[in-house]
N, C-alpha and C. Protein backbone atom coordinates (compact mmCIF):
# COMPACT_ATOMS: atom_id res chain seq x y z
N UNK A 1 91.52 109.23 113.15
CA UNK A 1 92.23 108.03 113.68
C UNK A 1 93.21 107.57 112.77
N UNK A 2 94.44 107.27 113.31
CA UNK A 2 95.50 106.66 112.61
C UNK A 2 95.55 105.08 112.66
N UNK A 3 94.75 104.52 113.72
CA UNK A 3 94.83 103.08 113.76
C UNK A 3 93.66 102.42 114.46
N UNK A 4 93.72 101.15 114.39
CA UNK A 4 92.56 100.40 115.00
C UNK A 4 93.15 99.06 115.55
N UNK A 5 92.36 98.34 116.47
CA UNK A 5 92.69 97.08 116.85
C UNK A 5 91.94 96.00 116.18
N UNK A 6 92.46 94.85 115.95
CA UNK A 6 91.73 93.74 115.37
C UNK A 6 92.39 92.40 115.64
N UNK A 7 91.76 91.38 115.02
CA UNK A 7 92.26 90.03 115.30
C UNK A 7 92.36 89.34 113.94
N UNK A 8 93.32 88.43 113.80
CA UNK A 8 93.42 87.84 112.45
C UNK A 8 92.55 86.59 112.40
N UNK A 9 91.76 86.60 111.33
CA UNK A 9 90.78 85.50 111.01
C UNK A 9 91.38 84.38 110.17
N UNK A 10 92.39 84.68 109.31
CA UNK A 10 92.96 83.75 108.50
C UNK A 10 93.27 84.30 107.13
N UNK A 11 93.67 83.52 106.19
CA UNK A 11 94.18 83.96 104.83
C UNK A 11 93.34 83.25 103.77
N UNK A 12 93.09 84.00 102.67
CA UNK A 12 92.37 83.46 101.51
C UNK A 12 92.84 84.17 100.21
N UNK A 13 92.26 84.06 99.24
CA UNK A 13 92.58 84.65 97.92
C UNK A 13 91.44 85.25 97.26
N UNK A 14 91.62 86.34 96.57
CA UNK A 14 90.51 87.03 95.76
C UNK A 14 91.10 87.26 94.33
N UNK A 15 90.20 87.51 93.42
CA UNK A 15 90.61 87.79 92.05
C UNK A 15 90.30 89.25 91.71
N UNK A 16 91.21 89.92 91.11
CA UNK A 16 91.01 91.22 90.62
C UNK A 16 90.21 91.18 89.41
N UNK A 17 89.89 92.50 88.90
CA UNK A 17 89.08 92.60 87.75
C UNK A 17 89.77 92.18 86.33
N UNK A 18 91.08 92.19 86.54
CA UNK A 18 91.80 91.76 85.33
C UNK A 18 92.22 90.28 85.36
N UNK A 19 91.58 89.53 86.40
CA UNK A 19 91.77 88.08 86.51
C UNK A 19 93.02 87.66 87.25
N UNK A 20 93.76 88.51 87.87
CA UNK A 20 94.95 88.11 88.70
C UNK A 20 94.45 87.61 90.10
N UNK A 21 95.08 86.69 90.62
CA UNK A 21 94.82 86.22 92.04
C UNK A 21 95.65 86.99 92.98
N UNK A 22 95.10 87.39 94.20
CA UNK A 22 95.80 88.11 95.17
C UNK A 22 95.57 87.54 96.44
N UNK A 23 96.73 86.94 97.17
CA UNK A 23 96.58 86.44 98.46
C UNK A 23 96.35 87.59 99.55
N UNK A 24 95.38 87.35 100.40
CA UNK A 24 94.89 88.35 101.35
C UNK A 24 94.67 87.76 102.76
N UNK A 25 94.99 88.64 103.70
CA UNK A 25 94.67 88.26 105.14
C UNK A 25 93.35 88.87 105.50
N UNK A 26 92.42 88.22 106.17
CA UNK A 26 91.26 88.61 106.63
C UNK A 26 91.29 89.08 108.05
N UNK A 27 91.14 90.39 108.44
CA UNK A 27 91.25 90.89 109.74
C UNK A 27 89.84 91.40 110.12
N UNK A 28 89.43 90.94 111.38
CA UNK A 28 88.29 91.60 111.97
C UNK A 28 88.82 92.77 112.78
N UNK A 29 88.57 94.04 112.18
CA UNK A 29 89.22 95.13 112.84
C UNK A 29 87.97 95.98 113.47
N UNK A 30 87.97 96.15 114.78
CA UNK A 30 87.08 96.87 115.51
C UNK A 30 85.73 96.16 115.63
N UNK A 31 84.77 96.66 116.10
CA UNK A 31 84.62 98.17 116.33
C UNK A 31 85.31 98.42 117.76
N UNK A 32 86.09 99.48 117.78
CA UNK A 32 86.73 99.84 119.11
C UNK A 32 86.13 101.21 119.71
N UNK A 33 86.33 101.27 120.89
CA UNK A 33 85.77 102.41 121.74
C UNK A 33 86.85 103.23 122.40
N UNK A 34 86.69 104.54 122.32
CA UNK A 34 87.61 105.45 122.92
C UNK A 34 87.31 105.40 124.40
N UNK A 35 88.30 104.72 125.08
CA UNK A 35 88.14 104.62 126.53
C UNK A 35 88.66 105.82 127.37
N UNK A 36 89.80 106.33 126.88
CA UNK A 36 90.43 107.48 127.70
C UNK A 36 91.22 108.29 126.76
N UNK A 37 91.48 109.56 127.09
CA UNK A 37 92.23 110.54 126.29
C UNK A 37 93.45 111.04 127.12
N UNK A 38 94.60 110.95 126.51
CA UNK A 38 95.70 111.54 127.21
C UNK A 38 96.14 112.84 126.67
N UNK A 39 96.38 113.85 127.47
CA UNK A 39 96.52 115.21 127.12
C UNK A 39 98.05 115.52 127.56
N UNK A 40 98.53 116.63 126.87
CA UNK A 40 99.90 117.16 127.17
C UNK A 40 99.93 117.72 128.35
N UNK A 41 98.91 118.42 128.96
CA UNK A 41 99.05 119.04 130.31
C UNK A 41 99.00 118.04 131.41
N UNK A 42 98.26 117.01 131.27
CA UNK A 42 98.12 116.11 132.42
C UNK A 42 99.07 114.86 132.36
N UNK A 43 99.23 114.38 131.06
CA UNK A 43 100.08 113.14 130.86
C UNK A 43 101.44 113.43 130.28
N UNK A 44 101.72 114.54 129.78
CA UNK A 44 102.88 114.86 129.02
C UNK A 44 102.91 114.43 127.54
N UNK A 45 101.83 113.86 127.06
CA UNK A 45 101.82 113.52 125.64
C UNK A 45 100.39 113.47 125.25
N UNK A 46 100.15 113.31 123.94
CA UNK A 46 98.64 113.22 123.63
C UNK A 46 98.54 111.99 122.78
N UNK A 47 97.48 111.21 123.29
CA UNK A 47 97.12 109.96 122.83
C UNK A 47 95.76 109.53 123.22
N UNK A 48 95.22 108.53 122.45
CA UNK A 48 93.91 108.04 122.74
C UNK A 48 93.96 106.53 123.02
N UNK A 49 93.25 106.11 124.01
CA UNK A 49 93.23 104.67 124.42
C UNK A 49 91.91 103.97 123.95
N UNK A 50 92.13 102.93 123.10
CA UNK A 50 91.08 102.28 122.55
C UNK A 50 90.78 100.91 123.17
N UNK A 51 89.50 100.48 123.39
CA UNK A 51 89.20 99.37 123.95
C UNK A 51 88.62 98.44 122.88
N UNK A 52 89.01 96.97 122.88
CA UNK A 52 88.61 96.11 121.91
C UNK A 52 88.23 94.82 122.62
N UNK A 53 87.25 94.13 122.11
CA UNK A 53 86.70 92.83 122.55
C UNK A 53 86.04 93.04 123.91
N UNK A 54 84.71 93.05 124.05
CA UNK A 54 83.95 93.22 125.31
C UNK A 54 84.41 92.08 126.26
N UNK A 55 84.46 92.33 127.55
CA UNK A 55 84.79 91.49 128.59
C UNK A 55 83.77 91.49 129.66
N UNK A 56 83.56 90.28 130.34
CA UNK A 56 82.71 90.22 131.40
C UNK A 56 83.22 90.83 132.75
N UNK A 57 82.46 91.54 133.51
CA UNK A 57 82.90 92.32 134.53
C UNK A 57 83.53 91.39 135.62
N UNK A 58 82.93 90.17 135.82
CA UNK A 58 83.62 89.45 136.91
C UNK A 58 85.02 88.94 136.58
N UNK A 59 85.48 89.11 135.36
CA UNK A 59 86.75 88.58 134.94
C UNK A 59 87.75 89.72 135.08
N UNK A 60 87.34 90.90 135.60
CA UNK A 60 88.36 92.05 135.63
C UNK A 60 88.71 92.33 137.17
N UNK A 61 89.82 92.79 137.22
CA UNK A 61 90.15 93.22 138.68
C UNK A 61 89.68 94.49 139.01
N UNK A 62 89.61 94.81 140.25
CA UNK A 62 88.78 96.14 140.68
C UNK A 62 89.42 97.38 140.27
N UNK A 63 90.78 97.50 140.16
CA UNK A 63 91.28 98.82 139.53
C UNK A 63 90.96 98.95 138.18
N UNK A 64 90.98 97.91 137.36
CA UNK A 64 90.74 98.01 135.93
C UNK A 64 89.16 98.28 135.64
N UNK A 65 88.36 97.50 136.52
CA UNK A 65 86.96 97.68 136.48
C UNK A 65 86.55 99.16 136.77
N UNK A 66 87.16 99.78 137.81
CA UNK A 66 86.84 101.25 138.17
C UNK A 66 87.35 102.12 136.97
N UNK A 67 88.36 101.65 136.22
CA UNK A 67 88.87 102.49 135.07
C UNK A 67 87.68 102.73 134.11
N UNK A 68 86.90 101.57 133.97
CA UNK A 68 85.81 101.75 132.91
C UNK A 68 84.56 102.33 133.63
N UNK A 69 84.28 102.06 134.82
CA UNK A 69 83.04 102.51 135.59
C UNK A 69 83.22 104.16 135.71
N UNK A 70 84.38 104.47 135.86
CA UNK A 70 84.58 106.06 135.98
C UNK A 70 84.05 106.76 134.76
N UNK A 71 84.17 106.08 133.64
CA UNK A 71 83.73 106.64 132.28
C UNK A 71 82.40 106.19 131.86
N UNK A 72 81.76 105.28 132.81
CA UNK A 72 80.42 104.75 132.50
C UNK A 72 80.44 103.93 131.06
N UNK A 73 81.49 103.19 131.03
CA UNK A 73 81.79 102.19 129.79
C UNK A 73 81.69 100.79 130.30
N UNK A 74 81.34 99.90 129.44
CA UNK A 74 81.53 98.54 129.75
C UNK A 74 83.08 98.06 129.54
N UNK A 75 83.39 96.94 130.37
CA UNK A 75 84.76 96.68 130.32
C UNK A 75 85.23 96.03 128.89
N UNK A 76 86.45 96.20 128.63
CA UNK A 76 86.98 95.53 127.34
C UNK A 76 88.30 94.83 127.71
N UNK A 77 88.60 93.77 126.99
CA UNK A 77 89.59 92.82 127.33
C UNK A 77 90.89 93.38 126.87
N UNK A 78 91.02 94.31 125.86
CA UNK A 78 92.34 94.74 125.35
C UNK A 78 92.20 96.22 125.37
N UNK A 79 93.22 96.88 125.80
CA UNK A 79 93.44 98.35 125.83
C UNK A 79 94.79 98.58 125.14
N UNK A 80 94.78 99.61 124.21
CA UNK A 80 95.97 100.06 123.58
C UNK A 80 95.91 101.55 123.23
N UNK A 81 97.13 102.17 123.36
CA UNK A 81 97.15 103.56 123.14
C UNK A 81 97.65 103.83 121.68
N UNK A 82 97.14 104.94 121.12
CA UNK A 82 97.61 105.42 119.77
C UNK A 82 97.97 106.87 120.03
N UNK A 83 99.22 107.29 119.69
CA UNK A 83 99.66 108.60 119.65
C UNK A 83 99.05 109.40 118.49
N UNK A 84 98.44 110.54 118.72
CA UNK A 84 97.81 111.41 117.82
C UNK A 84 98.11 112.78 118.17
N UNK A 85 97.70 113.73 117.22
CA UNK A 85 98.12 115.17 117.38
C UNK A 85 97.00 115.70 118.31
N UNK A 86 97.23 116.85 118.92
CA UNK A 86 96.30 117.55 119.72
C UNK A 86 94.93 117.84 119.08
N UNK A 87 95.15 118.26 117.71
CA UNK A 87 93.89 118.62 116.89
C UNK A 87 93.07 117.39 116.68
N UNK A 88 93.63 116.21 116.50
CA UNK A 88 92.79 115.08 116.31
C UNK A 88 92.31 114.58 117.65
N UNK A 89 92.97 114.88 118.73
CA UNK A 89 92.47 114.46 120.04
C UNK A 89 91.13 115.14 120.39
N UNK A 90 91.06 116.53 119.92
CA UNK A 90 89.95 117.35 120.27
C UNK A 90 88.69 116.84 119.52
N UNK A 91 88.88 116.17 118.38
CA UNK A 91 87.84 115.75 117.56
C UNK A 91 87.26 114.39 118.06
N UNK A 92 87.83 113.75 119.09
CA UNK A 92 87.35 112.55 119.57
C UNK A 92 86.72 112.72 121.09
N UNK A 93 85.75 111.76 121.37
CA UNK A 93 85.21 111.93 122.78
C UNK A 93 85.23 110.53 123.31
N UNK A 94 85.22 110.53 124.61
CA UNK A 94 85.19 109.20 125.30
C UNK A 94 83.87 108.50 125.11
N UNK A 95 83.99 107.22 124.77
CA UNK A 95 82.73 106.39 124.38
C UNK A 95 82.44 106.36 122.99
N UNK A 96 83.18 107.23 122.06
CA UNK A 96 83.03 107.34 120.70
C UNK A 96 83.50 105.98 120.07
N UNK A 97 82.84 105.53 119.05
CA UNK A 97 83.21 104.31 118.41
C UNK A 97 84.12 104.44 117.12
N UNK A 98 85.12 103.67 116.98
CA UNK A 98 86.05 103.85 115.87
C UNK A 98 85.85 102.40 115.14
N UNK A 99 85.56 102.59 113.88
CA UNK A 99 85.30 101.48 112.91
C UNK A 99 86.44 101.36 111.92
N UNK A 100 86.33 100.23 111.26
CA UNK A 100 87.30 99.93 110.06
C UNK A 100 87.10 100.97 108.83
N UNK A 101 85.98 101.73 108.97
CA UNK A 101 85.80 102.69 107.81
C UNK A 101 86.86 103.80 107.77
N UNK A 102 87.71 103.82 108.73
CA UNK A 102 88.83 104.86 108.55
C UNK A 102 89.89 104.43 107.60
N UNK A 103 89.87 103.29 107.00
CA UNK A 103 90.69 102.80 105.93
C UNK A 103 90.05 102.78 104.63
N UNK A 104 90.82 103.02 103.63
CA UNK A 104 90.27 103.08 102.20
C UNK A 104 91.12 102.00 101.39
N UNK A 105 90.36 101.35 100.39
CA UNK A 105 91.22 100.52 99.49
C UNK A 105 92.30 101.19 98.81
N UNK A 106 93.43 100.57 98.67
CA UNK A 106 94.62 101.11 98.01
C UNK A 106 95.48 101.80 98.95
N UNK A 107 95.05 101.90 100.27
CA UNK A 107 95.82 102.76 101.29
C UNK A 107 97.02 101.63 101.82
N UNK A 108 98.14 102.22 102.29
CA UNK A 108 99.07 101.43 102.78
C UNK A 108 98.99 101.46 104.29
N UNK A 109 99.18 100.17 104.99
CA UNK A 109 99.07 100.07 106.49
C UNK A 109 100.34 99.34 106.92
N UNK A 110 100.59 99.50 108.26
CA UNK A 110 101.64 98.57 108.84
C UNK A 110 100.86 97.83 110.03
N UNK A 111 101.09 96.59 110.16
CA UNK A 111 100.40 95.70 110.99
C UNK A 111 101.40 95.17 111.99
N UNK A 112 101.03 95.29 113.32
CA UNK A 112 101.85 94.76 114.48
C UNK A 112 101.18 93.61 115.13
N UNK A 113 101.96 92.51 115.35
CA UNK A 113 101.36 91.45 116.04
C UNK A 113 102.50 90.53 116.79
N UNK A 114 102.18 89.57 117.39
CA UNK A 114 102.99 88.59 117.99
C UNK A 114 103.20 87.31 117.15
N UNK A 115 104.36 87.18 116.70
CA UNK A 115 104.58 85.93 115.81
C UNK A 115 104.39 84.61 116.55
N UNK A 116 104.24 83.66 115.70
CA UNK A 116 103.96 82.33 116.23
C UNK A 116 105.20 81.71 116.98
N UNK A 117 105.09 81.20 118.15
CA UNK A 117 106.20 80.60 118.93
C UNK A 117 106.63 79.34 118.32
N UNK A 118 107.96 79.12 118.22
CA UNK A 118 108.54 77.87 117.53
C UNK A 118 109.12 77.12 118.59
N UNK A 119 109.31 77.67 119.84
CA UNK A 119 110.10 77.01 120.74
C UNK A 119 111.68 76.97 120.57
N UNK A 120 112.36 76.22 121.20
CA UNK A 120 113.90 76.13 120.98
C UNK A 120 114.16 75.48 119.53
N UNK A 121 114.97 76.15 118.71
CA UNK A 121 115.28 75.68 117.41
C UNK A 121 116.69 75.89 117.16
N UNK A 122 117.24 75.11 116.30
CA UNK A 122 118.60 75.13 115.96
C UNK A 122 118.99 76.20 115.10
N UNK A 123 120.34 76.46 114.69
CA UNK A 123 120.74 77.62 114.05
C UNK A 123 120.25 77.49 112.51
N UNK A 124 120.12 76.35 111.93
CA UNK A 124 119.61 76.18 110.60
C UNK A 124 118.25 76.65 110.35
N UNK A 125 117.27 76.34 111.19
CA UNK A 125 115.98 76.73 111.18
C UNK A 125 115.70 78.25 111.59
N UNK A 126 116.50 78.50 112.76
CA UNK A 126 116.40 79.78 113.25
C UNK A 126 116.87 80.87 112.53
N UNK A 127 118.01 80.75 111.86
CA UNK A 127 118.68 81.84 111.23
C UNK A 127 118.86 81.50 109.69
N UNK A 128 118.51 80.28 109.25
CA UNK A 128 118.65 80.04 107.88
C UNK A 128 120.02 79.50 107.42
N UNK A 129 120.88 79.04 108.33
CA UNK A 129 122.15 78.56 107.98
C UNK A 129 122.04 77.34 106.99
N UNK A 130 123.00 77.20 106.24
CA UNK A 130 123.08 76.10 105.23
C UNK A 130 123.40 74.83 105.81
N UNK A 131 124.17 74.75 107.06
CA UNK A 131 124.60 73.49 107.59
C UNK A 131 125.88 72.90 106.86
N UNK A 132 126.30 71.81 107.50
CA UNK A 132 127.52 71.18 106.86
C UNK A 132 127.16 70.01 105.86
N UNK A 133 128.18 69.27 105.43
CA UNK A 133 127.85 68.32 104.42
C UNK A 133 127.05 67.14 105.08
N UNK A 134 126.24 66.40 104.30
CA UNK A 134 125.55 65.26 104.64
C UNK A 134 126.14 64.04 104.38
N UNK A 135 127.37 63.94 103.79
CA UNK A 135 127.90 62.68 103.42
C UNK A 135 129.49 62.79 103.58
N UNK A 136 130.23 61.58 103.22
CA UNK A 136 131.67 61.53 103.22
C UNK A 136 132.18 61.83 104.63
N UNK A 137 131.66 61.09 105.56
CA UNK A 137 132.20 61.07 107.04
C UNK A 137 131.99 62.34 107.80
N UNK A 138 131.19 63.37 107.28
CA UNK A 138 130.90 64.55 108.02
C UNK A 138 130.09 64.20 109.30
N UNK A 139 130.47 64.84 110.41
CA UNK A 139 129.64 64.55 111.66
C UNK A 139 129.04 65.87 112.27
N UNK A 140 128.88 66.82 111.36
CA UNK A 140 128.50 68.19 111.86
C UNK A 140 127.36 68.71 110.99
N UNK A 141 126.30 67.75 110.67
CA UNK A 141 125.34 67.98 109.70
C UNK A 141 124.59 69.32 109.90
N UNK A 142 124.09 69.53 111.03
CA UNK A 142 123.14 70.59 111.25
C UNK A 142 123.81 71.58 112.28
N UNK A 143 124.97 71.58 112.57
CA UNK A 143 125.58 72.54 113.66
C UNK A 143 125.98 73.77 113.07
N UNK A 144 126.00 74.83 113.82
CA UNK A 144 126.28 76.20 113.21
C UNK A 144 127.75 76.43 112.81
N UNK A 145 128.66 75.41 113.06
CA UNK A 145 129.98 75.59 112.76
C UNK A 145 130.78 76.25 113.82
N UNK A 146 131.97 76.91 113.57
CA UNK A 146 132.86 77.63 114.51
C UNK A 146 132.12 78.80 115.14
N UNK A 147 132.17 79.07 116.41
CA UNK A 147 131.59 80.16 117.08
C UNK A 147 132.58 81.12 117.62
N UNK A 148 133.80 80.87 117.42
CA UNK A 148 134.84 81.68 117.95
C UNK A 148 136.05 81.86 117.07
N UNK A 149 137.17 82.37 117.59
CA UNK A 149 138.41 82.60 116.85
C UNK A 149 139.50 81.72 117.25
N UNK A 150 140.56 82.18 117.75
CA UNK A 150 141.71 81.39 118.27
C UNK A 150 142.03 81.91 119.58
N UNK A 151 143.38 81.87 119.91
CA UNK A 151 143.96 82.32 121.19
C UNK A 151 143.40 83.74 121.53
N UNK A 152 143.54 84.57 120.48
CA UNK A 152 142.97 85.94 120.60
C UNK A 152 141.81 86.05 119.63
N UNK A 153 140.58 86.65 120.19
CA UNK A 153 140.35 87.17 121.50
C UNK A 153 140.03 86.16 122.58
N UNK A 154 139.83 84.86 122.17
CA UNK A 154 139.76 83.81 123.20
C UNK A 154 138.43 83.96 123.83
N UNK A 155 137.42 84.44 123.16
CA UNK A 155 136.05 84.60 123.70
C UNK A 155 135.00 84.55 122.53
N UNK A 156 133.81 84.29 122.80
CA UNK A 156 132.67 84.38 121.80
C UNK A 156 132.03 85.71 121.80
N UNK A 157 132.01 86.41 120.65
CA UNK A 157 131.45 87.65 120.71
C UNK A 157 129.98 87.83 120.96
N UNK A 158 129.45 88.84 121.58
CA UNK A 158 128.10 89.05 121.91
C UNK A 158 127.26 89.10 120.63
N UNK A 159 126.14 88.63 120.63
CA UNK A 159 125.18 88.72 119.51
C UNK A 159 125.30 87.70 118.43
N UNK A 160 126.23 86.74 118.72
CA UNK A 160 126.38 85.69 117.75
C UNK A 160 125.12 84.92 117.52
N UNK A 161 124.87 84.64 116.26
CA UNK A 161 123.65 83.85 115.89
C UNK A 161 123.89 82.44 116.32
N UNK A 162 123.14 81.91 117.21
CA UNK A 162 123.17 80.60 117.71
C UNK A 162 121.77 80.01 118.03
N UNK A 163 121.78 78.69 118.29
CA UNK A 163 120.44 78.09 118.55
C UNK A 163 119.82 78.72 119.81
N UNK A 164 118.47 78.80 119.84
CA UNK A 164 117.72 79.27 120.98
C UNK A 164 116.29 79.57 120.71
N UNK A 165 115.55 80.29 121.53
CA UNK A 165 114.21 80.40 121.28
C UNK A 165 113.75 81.20 120.17
N UNK A 166 112.79 80.72 119.39
CA UNK A 166 112.45 81.34 118.03
C UNK A 166 110.95 81.65 117.95
N UNK A 167 110.53 82.92 117.61
CA UNK A 167 109.27 83.27 117.51
C UNK A 167 108.72 83.85 118.77
N UNK A 168 107.40 84.08 118.87
CA UNK A 168 106.86 84.58 120.03
C UNK A 168 107.35 85.91 120.37
N UNK A 169 107.39 86.92 119.49
CA UNK A 169 107.90 88.23 119.77
C UNK A 169 107.22 89.23 118.80
N UNK A 170 107.25 90.54 119.34
CA UNK A 170 106.54 91.55 118.49
C UNK A 170 107.16 91.81 117.11
N UNK A 171 106.28 91.59 116.11
CA UNK A 171 106.80 91.91 114.73
C UNK A 171 105.94 92.84 114.00
N UNK A 172 106.40 93.81 113.31
CA UNK A 172 105.68 94.79 112.43
C UNK A 172 105.88 94.54 111.00
N UNK A 173 104.91 94.47 110.18
CA UNK A 173 105.12 94.32 108.71
C UNK A 173 104.64 95.60 108.09
N UNK A 174 105.42 96.40 107.38
CA UNK A 174 105.07 97.60 106.94
C UNK A 174 104.75 97.59 105.48
N UNK A 175 104.00 98.58 104.97
CA UNK A 175 103.74 98.73 103.52
C UNK A 175 102.75 97.76 102.99
N UNK A 176 101.88 97.16 103.87
CA UNK A 176 100.78 96.35 103.33
C UNK A 176 99.70 97.17 102.58
N UNK A 177 99.17 96.56 101.46
CA UNK A 177 98.02 97.36 100.88
C UNK A 177 96.68 96.84 101.32
N UNK A 178 95.83 97.72 101.41
CA UNK A 178 94.44 97.40 101.82
C UNK A 178 93.76 97.17 100.49
N UNK A 179 93.25 95.90 100.43
CA UNK A 179 92.46 95.45 99.08
C UNK A 179 91.04 95.80 99.14
N UNK A 180 90.49 95.53 100.34
CA UNK A 180 89.00 95.75 100.47
C UNK A 180 88.63 96.11 101.77
N UNK A 181 87.62 96.87 102.11
CA UNK A 181 87.23 97.32 103.42
C UNK A 181 85.60 96.85 103.41
N UNK A 182 85.22 96.13 104.43
CA UNK A 182 83.81 95.83 104.53
C UNK A 182 83.26 96.23 105.86
N UNK A 183 82.84 97.66 106.00
CA UNK A 183 82.47 98.19 107.20
C UNK A 183 81.24 97.49 107.83
N UNK A 184 80.30 96.91 107.04
CA UNK A 184 79.10 96.36 107.59
C UNK A 184 79.38 95.06 108.34
N UNK A 185 80.63 94.35 108.03
CA UNK A 185 81.01 93.11 108.68
C UNK A 185 82.31 93.36 109.54
N UNK A 186 82.76 94.62 109.66
CA UNK A 186 83.98 94.92 110.38
C UNK A 186 85.21 94.16 109.92
N UNK A 187 85.25 93.95 108.58
CA UNK A 187 86.43 93.17 108.00
C UNK A 187 87.40 94.07 107.21
N UNK A 188 88.60 93.68 107.24
CA UNK A 188 89.54 94.45 106.49
C UNK A 188 90.42 93.43 105.78
N UNK A 189 90.47 93.46 104.49
CA UNK A 189 91.40 92.54 103.65
C UNK A 189 92.58 93.22 103.26
N UNK A 190 93.72 92.69 103.68
CA UNK A 190 95.05 93.24 103.35
C UNK A 190 95.99 92.33 102.56
N UNK A 191 96.54 92.75 101.56
CA UNK A 191 97.32 91.92 100.81
C UNK A 191 98.57 91.37 101.46
N UNK A 192 98.81 90.01 101.27
CA UNK A 192 99.92 89.44 101.92
C UNK A 192 99.64 88.81 103.28
N UNK A 193 100.62 88.46 103.93
CA UNK A 193 100.38 87.86 105.29
C UNK A 193 100.88 88.88 106.34
N UNK A 194 100.36 88.65 107.55
CA UNK A 194 100.57 89.39 108.76
C UNK A 194 101.08 88.46 109.94
N UNK A 195 101.75 89.01 110.97
CA UNK A 195 102.33 88.08 111.90
C UNK A 195 101.16 87.54 112.85
N UNK A 196 101.60 86.41 113.49
CA UNK A 196 100.66 85.76 114.44
C UNK A 196 99.80 84.58 113.82
N UNK A 197 99.12 83.90 114.90
CA UNK A 197 98.33 82.85 114.67
C UNK A 197 96.83 83.33 114.24
N UNK A 198 95.94 82.38 113.87
CA UNK A 198 94.44 82.77 113.88
C UNK A 198 93.98 83.33 115.10
N UNK A 199 93.21 84.27 115.21
CA UNK A 199 92.59 84.80 116.41
C UNK A 199 93.66 85.70 117.22
N UNK A 200 94.83 85.83 116.61
CA UNK A 200 95.81 86.75 117.19
C UNK A 200 95.56 88.22 117.15
N UNK A 201 95.90 88.87 118.18
CA UNK A 201 95.71 90.27 118.31
C UNK A 201 96.51 91.05 117.41
N UNK A 202 96.06 92.07 116.69
CA UNK A 202 96.78 92.86 115.69
C UNK A 202 96.49 94.40 115.94
N UNK A 203 97.60 95.23 115.67
CA UNK A 203 97.29 96.69 115.66
C UNK A 203 97.61 97.02 114.29
N UNK A 204 96.63 97.66 113.67
CA UNK A 204 96.69 98.14 112.20
C UNK A 204 96.70 99.68 112.38
N UNK A 205 97.83 100.21 111.69
CA UNK A 205 98.05 101.71 111.67
C UNK A 205 98.29 102.10 110.14
N UNK A 206 97.86 103.41 110.03
CA UNK A 206 98.07 103.82 108.64
C UNK A 206 99.54 104.09 108.41
N UNK A 207 100.14 103.73 107.27
CA UNK A 207 101.48 103.99 106.94
C UNK A 207 101.80 105.42 106.48
N UNK A 208 102.65 106.07 107.21
CA UNK A 208 102.99 107.53 106.84
C UNK A 208 104.43 107.51 106.39
N UNK A 209 105.09 106.51 106.28
CA UNK A 209 106.61 106.62 105.80
C UNK A 209 106.58 107.04 104.35
C-alpha cells in the first residue's frame, strides 16, 4: 500500500539521541479496511478503496449501507481511493486491514488535509501584503493599493490578489519525514506541521518524487 487515512491529534516535540528538539505532528493513522477494489477491466483504472472510522448503521443512507452489506463489512464513515498498480491490487483482498506499519522511520511522506477556515480576510492577512503607511496623513493603512491601470486596458485583470475567503481548502504538504511509527497505538509521528485542525481528516501517502 502507498497510503493510509488518519486524523490529526495535535503537535508536540521530541528529543533526538544527540539532544536536538524536533517538532512533530501526532497522527492517528488507521487501521483502515479494504472496502472495494477497482480493476482496469471493470472500472477503467486500478485502485483500492479504504474505509476509516467505524460508523453506526442507522446513520448511513440505504445505498451506502448496501455498499458495505454487499461485502459483509461494517459501515465506515470515511471512504477514499488510492491508485495502485495491478500487481499491488492482486496482493490485497476485500476486508483486509491496512495499518500504520506500512511506513518506516526516515521515510518521506506527503500529507493532504483541509486547511483551517479563516473566513473573509483582507489582502494583508490573506496574501501577506505590507500595506500602506500608518502615519503622516495616510488614509489607506491596510488596503491593497491600486488594482488597475489607466484608460487602457480600463479593466481589472483576472486572478488579481484581493480580499476574500481564506482557508478551508485542500492543501498537500510534501516531503515530510516520518520520525517514529507506533503500530501498537496506530500512531505516526511526522516532522513539522500538517494542514487542518485537531481531529481533521488526513490522507498520508508515500512520497515518490
